[in-house]
Amino acid sequence: METVVGLHRNHFGDIISFVTSGGRVISYQKALLEATNGIITGVQAAEDYDGKLVLSPLQDQSFDHYPNLF
């Protein structure tokens, strides 16, 4: 099973895609879908305060420690 090992941010600092341990670069929405379906581990889909489905890491409070890979 793959895990998230890095991410890509846009110039506003928003996460736009993730890099998996298998070397795939997947969009935020695809990562959300794969986390929901148990395809990638280490992240979870949860609702934010507005009821929007977002990704969050299981062990940390944020994705800040993940490297920004290109």
PDB file of N, CA and C in Angstrom:
ATOM      1  N   MET A   1       0.838  -1.179   0.000  1.00  0.00           N
ATOM      2  CA  MET A   1       0.000   0.000   0.000  1.00  0.00           C
ATOM      3  C   MET A   1       0.885   1.245   0.000  1.00  0.00           C
ATOM      4  N   GLU A   2       0.492   2.235  -0.732  1.00  0.00           N
ATOM      5  CA  GLU A   2       1.284   3.455  -0.854  1.00  0.00           C
ATOM      6  C   GLU A   2       0.978   4.447   0.276  1.00  0.00           C
ATOM      7  N   THR A   3       1.944   5.310   0.523  1.00  0.00           N
ATOM      8  CA  THR A   3       1.781   6.398   1.476  1.00  0.00           C
ATOM      9  C   THR A   3       2.146   7.709   0.780  1.00  0.00           C
ATOM     10  N   VAL A   4       1.785   8.804   1.397  1.00  0.00           N
ATOM     11  CA  VAL A   4       2.159  10.125   0.891  1.00  0.00           C
ATOM     12  C   VAL A   4       3.564  10.445   1.408  1.00  0.00           C
ATOM     13  N   VAL A   5       4.461  10.812   0.478  1.00  0.00           N
ATOM     14  CA  VAL A   5       5.837  11.123   0.864  1.00  0.00           C
ATOM     15  C   VAL A   5       6.220  12.569   0.559  1.00  0.00           C
ATOM     16  N   GLY A   6       5.422  13.261  -0.222  1.00  0.00           N
ATOM     17  CA  GLY A   6       5.702  14.646  -0.565  1.00  0.00           C
ATOM     18  C   GLY A   6       4.479  15.287  -1.170  1.00  0.00           C
ATOM     19  N   LEU A   7       4.615  16.556  -1.501  1.00  0.00           N
ATOM     20  CA  LEU A   7       3.476  17.278  -2.065  1.00  0.00           C
ATOM     21  C   LEU A   7       3.951  18.400  -2.950  1.00  0.00           C
ATOM     22  N   HIS A   8       3.020  18.968  -3.668  1.00  0.00           N
ATOM     23  CA  HIS A   8       3.260  20.152  -4.495  1.00  0.00           C
ATOM     24  C   HIS A   8       2.306  21.241  -4.022  1.00  0.00           C
ATOM     25  N   ARG A   9       2.826  22.426  -3.873  1.00  0.00           N
ATOM     26  CA  ARG A   9       2.002  23.582  -3.486  1.00  0.00           C
ATOM     27  C   ARG A   9       2.000  24.604  -4.617  1.00  0.00           C
ATOM     28  N   ASN A  10       0.903  25.341  -4.735  1.00  0.00           N
ATOM     29  CA  ASN A  10       0.867  26.431  -5.711  1.00  0.00           C
ATOM     30  C   ASN A  10       1.510  27.676  -5.091  1.00  0.00           C
ATOM     31  N   HIS A  11       1.531  28.760  -5.821  1.00  0.00           N
ATOM     32  CA  HIS A  11       2.199  29.972  -5.317  1.00  0.00           C
ATOM     33  C   HIS A  11       1.450  30.628  -4.156  1.00  0.00           C
ATOM     34  N   PHE A  12       0.238  30.184  -3.867  1.00  0.00           N
ATOM     35  CA  PHE A  12      -0.506  30.665  -2.699  1.00  0.00           C
ATOM     36  C   PHE A  12      -0.225  29.808  -1.466  1.00  0.00           C
ATOM     37  N   GLY A  13       0.491  28.688  -1.665  1.00  0.00           N
ATOM     38  CA  GLY A  13       0.790  27.780  -0.572  1.00  0.00           C
ATOM     39  C   GLY A  13      -0.227  26.662  -0.402  1.00  0.00           C
ATOM     40  N   ASP A  14      -1.213  26.595  -1.296  1.00  0.00           N
ATOM     41  CA  ASP A  14      -2.226  25.545  -1.238  1.00  0.00           C
ATOM     42  C   ASP A  14      -1.665  24.248  -1.821  1.00  0.00           C
ATOM     43  N   ILE A  15      -1.991  23.121  -1.217  1.00  0.00           N
ATOM     44  CA  ILE A  15      -1.568  21.837  -1.748  1.00  0.00           C
ATOM     45  C   ILE A  15      -2.395  21.532  -2.987  1.00  0.00           C
ATOM     46  N   ILE A  16      -1.705  21.223  -4.090  1.00  0.00           N
ATOM     47  CA  ILE A  16      -2.419  20.920  -5.330  1.00  0.00           C
ATOM     48  C   ILE A  16      -2.246  19.471  -5.750  1.00  0.00           C
ATOM     49  N   SER A  17      -1.181  18.809  -5.302  1.00  0.00           N
ATOM     50  CA  SER A  17      -0.989  17.395  -5.612  1.00  0.00           C
ATOM     51  C   SER A  17      -0.059  16.758  -4.594  1.00  0.00           C
ATOM     52  N   PHE A  18      -0.063  15.436  -4.599  1.00  0.00           N
ATOM     53  CA  PHE A  18       0.741  14.657  -3.664  1.00  0.00           C
ATOM     54  C   PHE A  18       1.646  13.707  -4.426  1.00  0.00           C
ATOM     55  N   VAL A  19       2.784  13.375  -3.829  1.00  0.00           N
ATOM     56  CA  VAL A  19       3.699  12.371  -4.356  1.00  0.00           C
ATOM     57  C   VAL A  19       3.583  11.162  -3.438  1.00  0.00           C
ATOM     58  N   THR A  20       3.388   9.987  -4.037  1.00  0.00           N
ATOM     59  CA  THR A  20       3.229   8.766  -3.248  1.00  0.00           C
ATOM     60  C   THR A  20       4.549   8.002  -3.169  1.00  0.00           C
ATOM     61  N   SER A  21       4.587   7.044  -2.256  1.00  0.00           N
ATOM     62  CA  SER A  21       5.779   6.212  -2.109  1.00  0.00           C
ATOM     63  C   SER A  21       6.041   5.385  -3.360  1.00  0.00           C
ATOM     64  N   GLY A  22       5.052   5.193  -4.200  1.00  0.00           N
ATOM     65  CA  GLY A  22       5.215   4.488  -5.468  1.00  0.00           C
ATOM     66  C   GLY A  22       5.704   5.384  -6.592  1.00  0.00           C
ATOM     67  N   GLY A  23       5.925   6.673  -6.297  1.00  0.00           N
ATOM     68  CA  GLY A  23       6.421   7.611  -7.294  1.00  0.00           C
ATOM     69  C   GLY A  23       5.340   8.300  -8.108  1.00  0.00           C
ATOM     70  N   ARG A  24       4.088   8.027  -7.804  1.00  0.00           N
ATOM     71  CA  ARG A  24       2.999   8.675  -8.538  1.00  0.00           C
ATOM     72  C   ARG A  24       2.783  10.091  -8.026  1.00  0.00           C
ATOM     73  N   VAL A  25       2.426  10.980  -8.929  1.00  0.00           N
ATOM     74  CA  VAL A  25       1.986  12.329  -8.572  1.00  0.00           C
ATOM     75  C   VAL A  25       0.491  12.344  -8.836  1.00  0.00           C
ATOM     76  N   ILE A  26      -0.293  12.538  -7.777  1.00  0.00           N
ATOM     77  CA  ILE A  26      -1.752  12.508  -7.915  1.00  0.00           C
ATOM     78  C   ILE A  26      -2.345  13.819  -7.415  1.00  0.00           C
ATOM     79  N   SER A  27      -3.425  14.214  -8.032  1.00  0.00           N
ATOM     80  CA  SER A  27      -4.088  15.467  -7.658  1.00  0.00           C
ATOM     81  C   SER A  27      -4.654  15.363  -6.248  1.00  0.00           C
ATOM     82  N   TYR A  28      -4.966  16.503  -5.690  1.00  0.00           N
ATOM     83  CA  TYR A  28      -5.568  16.538  -4.353  1.00  0.00           C
ATOM     84  C   TYR A  28      -6.853  15.727  -4.342  1.00  0.00           C
ATOM     85  N   GLN A  29      -7.681  15.905  -5.367  1.00  0.00           N
ATOM     86  CA  GLN A  29      -8.960  15.197  -5.421  1.00  0.00           C
ATOM     87  C   GLN A  29      -8.776  13.687  -5.547  1.00  0.00           C
ATOM     88  N   LYS A  30      -7.795  13.260  -6.348  1.00  0.00           N
ATOM     89  CA  LYS A  30      -7.532  11.825  -6.486  1.00  0.00           C
ATOM     90  C   LYS A  30      -6.999  11.269  -5.167  1.00  0.00           C
ATOM     91  N   ALA A  31      -6.148  12.016  -4.481  1.00  0.00           N
ATOM     92  CA  ALA A  31      -5.633  11.574  -3.179  1.00  0.00           C
ATOM     93  C   ALA A  31      -6.775  11.457  -2.172  1.00  0.00           C
ATOM     94  N   LEU A  32      -7.698  12.371  -2.227  1.00  0.00           N
ATOM     95  CA  LEU A  32      -8.869  12.327  -1.354  1.00  0.00           C
ATOM     96  C   LEU A  32      -9.686  11.066  -1.619  1.00  0.00           C
ATOM     97  N   LEU A  33      -9.901  10.767  -2.879  1.00  0.00           N
ATOM     98  CA  LEU A  33     -10.643   9.568  -3.276  1.00  0.00           C
ATOM     99  C   LEU A  33      -9.892   8.297  -2.858  1.00  0.00           C
ATOM    100  N   GLU A  34      -8.591   8.256  -3.100  1.00  0.00           N
ATOM    101  CA  GLU A  34      -7.809   7.071  -2.761  1.00  0.00           C
ATOM    102  C   GLU A  34      -7.702   6.875  -1.252  1.00  0.00           C
ATOM    103  N   ALA A  35      -7.621   7.950  -0.484  1.00  0.00           N
ATOM    104  CA  ALA A  35      -7.597   7.830   0.971  1.00  0.00           C
ATOM    105  C   ALA A  35      -8.930   7.296   1.481  1.00  0.00           C
ATOM    106  N   THR A  36     -10.021   7.760   0.908  1.00  0.00           N
ATOM    107  CA  THR A  36     -11.347   7.294   1.285  1.00  0.00           C
ATOM    108  C   THR A  36     -11.523   5.811   0.984  1.00  0.00           C
ATOM    109  N   ASN A  37     -10.938   5.363  -0.132  1.00  0.00           N
ATOM    110  CA  ASN A  37     -11.066   3.969  -0.553  1.00  0.00           C
ATOM    111  C   ASN A  37      -9.969   3.060   0.011  1.00  0.00           C
ATOM    112  N   GLY A  38      -9.067   3.603   0.824  1.00  0.00           N
ATOM    113  CA  GLY A  38      -8.024   2.795   1.446  1.00  0.00           C
ATOM    114  C   GLY A  38      -6.870   2.423   0.533  1.00  0.00           C
ATOM    115  N   ILE A  39      -6.707   3.133  -0.571  1.00  0.00           N
ATOM    116  CA  ILE A  39      -5.627   2.840  -1.516  1.00  0.00           C
ATOM    117  C   ILE A  39      -4.315   3.438  -1.039  1.00  0.00           C
ATOM    118  N   ILE A  40      -4.354   4.619  -0.438  1.00  0.00           N
ATOM    119  CA  ILE A  40      -3.166   5.207   0.171  1.00  0.00           C
ATOM    120  C   ILE A  40      -3.399   5.318   1.672  1.00  0.00           C
ATOM    121  N   THR A  41      -2.337   5.172   2.422  1.00  0.00           N
ATOM    122  CA  THR A  41      -2.433   5.216   3.879  1.00  0.00           C
ATOM    123  C   THR A  41      -1.657   6.409   4.421  1.00  0.00           C
ATOM    124  N   GLY A  42      -1.864   6.674   5.700  1.00  0.00           N
ATOM    125  CA  GLY A  42      -1.177   7.773   6.361  1.00  0.00           C
ATOM    126  C   GLY A  42      -1.916   9.092   6.305  1.00  0.00           C
ATOM    127  N   VAL A  43      -2.990   9.124   5.541  1.00  0.00           N
ATOM    128  CA  VAL A  43      -3.838  10.314   5.453  1.00  0.00           C
ATOM    129  C   VAL A  43      -5.285   9.876   5.618  1.00  0.00           C
ATOM    130  N   GLN A  44      -6.106  10.820   6.017  1.00  0.00           N
ATOM    131  CA  GLN A  44      -7.526  10.523   6.171  1.00  0.00           C
ATOM    132  C   GLN A  44      -8.367  11.648   5.604  1.00  0.00           C
ATOM    133  N   ALA A  45      -9.524  11.287   5.124  1.00  0.00           N
ATOM    134  CA  ALA A  45     -10.483  12.267   4.642  1.00  0.00           C
ATOM    135  C   ALA A  45     -11.372  12.659   5.818  1.00  0.00           C
ATOM    136  N   ALA A  46     -11.546  13.955   6.011  1.00  0.00           N
ATOM    137  CA  ALA A  46     -12.376  14.449   7.103  1.00  0.00           C
ATOM    138  C   ALA A  46     -13.074  15.723   6.649  1.00  0.00           C
ATOM    139  N   GLU A  47     -14.185  16.024   7.271  1.00  0.00           N
ATOM    140  CA  GLU A  47     -14.908  17.257   6.956  1.00  0.00           C
ATOM    141  C   GLU A  47     -14.316  18.412   7.733  1.00  0.00           C
ATOM    142  N   ASP A  48     -14.155  19.560   7.059  1.00  0.00           N
ATOM    143  CA  ASP A  48     -13.706  20.757   7.755  1.00  0.00           C
ATOM    144  C   ASP A  48     -14.914  21.473   8.347  1.00  0.00           C
ATOM    145  N   TYR A  49     -14.705  22.667   8.878  1.00  0.00           N
ATOM    146  CA  TYR A  49     -15.782  23.402   9.543  1.00  0.00           C
ATOM    147  C   TYR A  49     -16.922  23.795   8.604  1.00  0.00           C
ATOM    148  N   ASP A  50     -16.604  23.877   7.300  1.00  0.00           N
ATOM    149  CA  ASP A  50     -17.618  24.242   6.313  1.00  0.00           C
ATOM    150  C   ASP A  50     -18.317  23.021   5.718  1.00  0.00           C
ATOM    151  N   GLY A  51     -17.956  21.824   6.180  1.00  0.00           N
ATOM    152  CA  GLY A  51     -18.546  20.601   5.658  1.00  0.00           C
ATOM    153  C   GLY A  51     -17.867  20.084   4.406  1.00  0.00           C
ATOM    154  N   LYS A  52     -16.758  20.718   4.019  1.00  0.00           N
ATOM    155  CA  LYS A  52     -16.003  20.316   2.836  1.00  0.00           C
ATOM    156  C   LYS A  52     -15.072  19.163   3.211  1.00  0.00           C
ATOM    157  N   LEU A  53     -14.955  18.158   2.345  1.00  0.00           N
ATOM    158  CA  LEU A  53     -14.087  17.023   2.580  1.00  0.00           C
ATOM    159  C   LEU A  53     -12.642  17.420   2.277  1.00  0.00           C
ATOM    160  N   VAL A  54     -11.749  17.236   3.243  1.00  0.00           N
ATOM    161  CA  VAL A  54     -10.339  17.592   3.100  1.00  0.00           C
ATOM    162  C   VAL A  54      -9.473  16.438   3.580  1.00  0.00           C
ATOM    163  N   LEU A  55      -8.202  16.476   3.189  1.00  0.00           N
ATOM    164  CA  LEU A  55      -7.243  15.475   3.643  1.00  0.00           C
ATOM    165  C   LEU A  55      -6.467  16.001   4.841  1.00  0.00           C
ATOM    166  N   SER A  56      -6.159  15.113   5.755  1.00  0.00           N
ATOM    167  CA  SER A  56      -5.285  15.463   6.864  1.00  0.00           C
ATOM    168  C   SER A  56      -4.405  14.263   7.164  1.00  0.00           C
ATOM    169  N   PRO A  57      -3.178  14.519   7.600  1.00  0.00           N
ATOM    170  CA  PRO A  57      -2.289  13.404   7.935  1.00  0.00           C
ATOM    171  C   PRO A  57      -2.745  12.738   9.227  1.00  0.00           C
ATOM    172  N   LEU A  58      -2.506  11.441   9.340  1.00  0.00           N
ATOM    173  CA  LEU A  58      -2.945  10.711  10.527  1.00  0.00           C
ATOM    174  C   LEU A  58      -2.096  11.016  11.756  1.00  0.00           C
ATOM    175  N   GLN A  59      -0.795  11.206  11.585  1.00  0.00           N
ATOM    176  CA  GLN A  59       0.088  11.330  12.733  1.00  0.00           C
ATOM    177  C   GLN A  59       0.386  12.770  13.129  1.00  0.00           C
ATOM    178  N   ASP A  60       0.194  13.711  12.254  1.00  0.00           N
ATOM    179  CA  ASP A  60       0.542  15.101  12.538  1.00  0.00           C
ATOM    180  C   ASP A  60      -0.677  15.994  12.347  1.00  0.00           C
ATOM    181  N   GLN A  61      -0.519  17.223  12.761  1.00  0.00           N
ATOM    182  CA  GLN A  61      -1.606  18.182  12.638  1.00  0.00           C
ATOM    183  C   GLN A  61      -1.674  18.824  11.251  1.00  0.00           C
ATOM    184  N   SER A  62      -0.563  18.770  10.507  1.00  0.00           N
ATOM    185  CA  SER A  62      -0.550  19.422   9.199  1.00  0.00           C
ATOM    186  C   SER A  62       0.430  18.718   8.262  1.00  0.00           C
ATOM    187  N   PHE A  63       0.434  19.158   7.022  1.00  0.00           N
ATOM    188  CA  PHE A  63       1.356  18.625   6.028  1.00  0.00           C
ATOM    189  C   PHE A  63       2.649  19.448   5.965  1.00  0.00           C
ATOM    190  N   ASP A  64       2.889  20.329   6.917  1.00  0.00           N
ATOM    191  CA  ASP A  64       4.036  21.224   6.865  1.00  0.00           C
ATOM    192  C   ASP A  64       5.383  20.506   6.828  1.00  0.00           C
ATOM    193  N   HIS A  65       5.473  19.330   7.437  1.00  0.00           N
ATOM    194  CA  HIS A  65       6.765  18.624   7.466  1.00  0.00           C
ATOM    195  C   HIS A  65       7.038  17.807   6.204  1.00  0.00           C
ATOM    196  N   TYR A  66       6.045  17.683   5.303  1.00  0.00           N
ATOM    197  CA  TYR A  66       6.240  16.955   4.050  1.00  0.00           C
ATOM    198  C   TYR A  66       7.043  17.811   3.096  1.00  0.00           C
ATOM    199  N   PRO A  67       8.012  17.211   2.393  1.00  0.00           N
ATOM    200  CA  PRO A  67       8.808  18.008   1.450  1.00  0.00           C
ATOM    201  C   PRO A  67       7.984  18.443   0.240  1.00  0.00           C
ATOM    202  N   ASN A  68       8.321  19.603  -0.286  1.00  0.00           N
ATOM    203  CA  ASN A  68       7.689  20.116  -1.493  1.00  0.00           C
ATOM    204  C   ASN A  68       8.499  19.603  -2.665  1.00  0.00           C
ATOM    205  N   LEU A  69       8.036  18.525  -3.290  1.00  0.00           N
ATOM    206  CA  LEU A  69       8.762  17.872  -4.374  1.00  0.00           C
ATOM    207  C   LEU A  69       8.262  18.356  -5.726  1.00  0.00           C
ATOM    208  N   PHE A  70       9.161  18.424  -6.675  1.00  0.00           N
ATOM    209  CA  PHE A  70       8.810  18.881  -8.013  1.00  0.00           C
ATOM    210  C   PHE A  70       9.060  17.794  -9.023  1.00  0.00           C
TER     211      PHE A  70
END
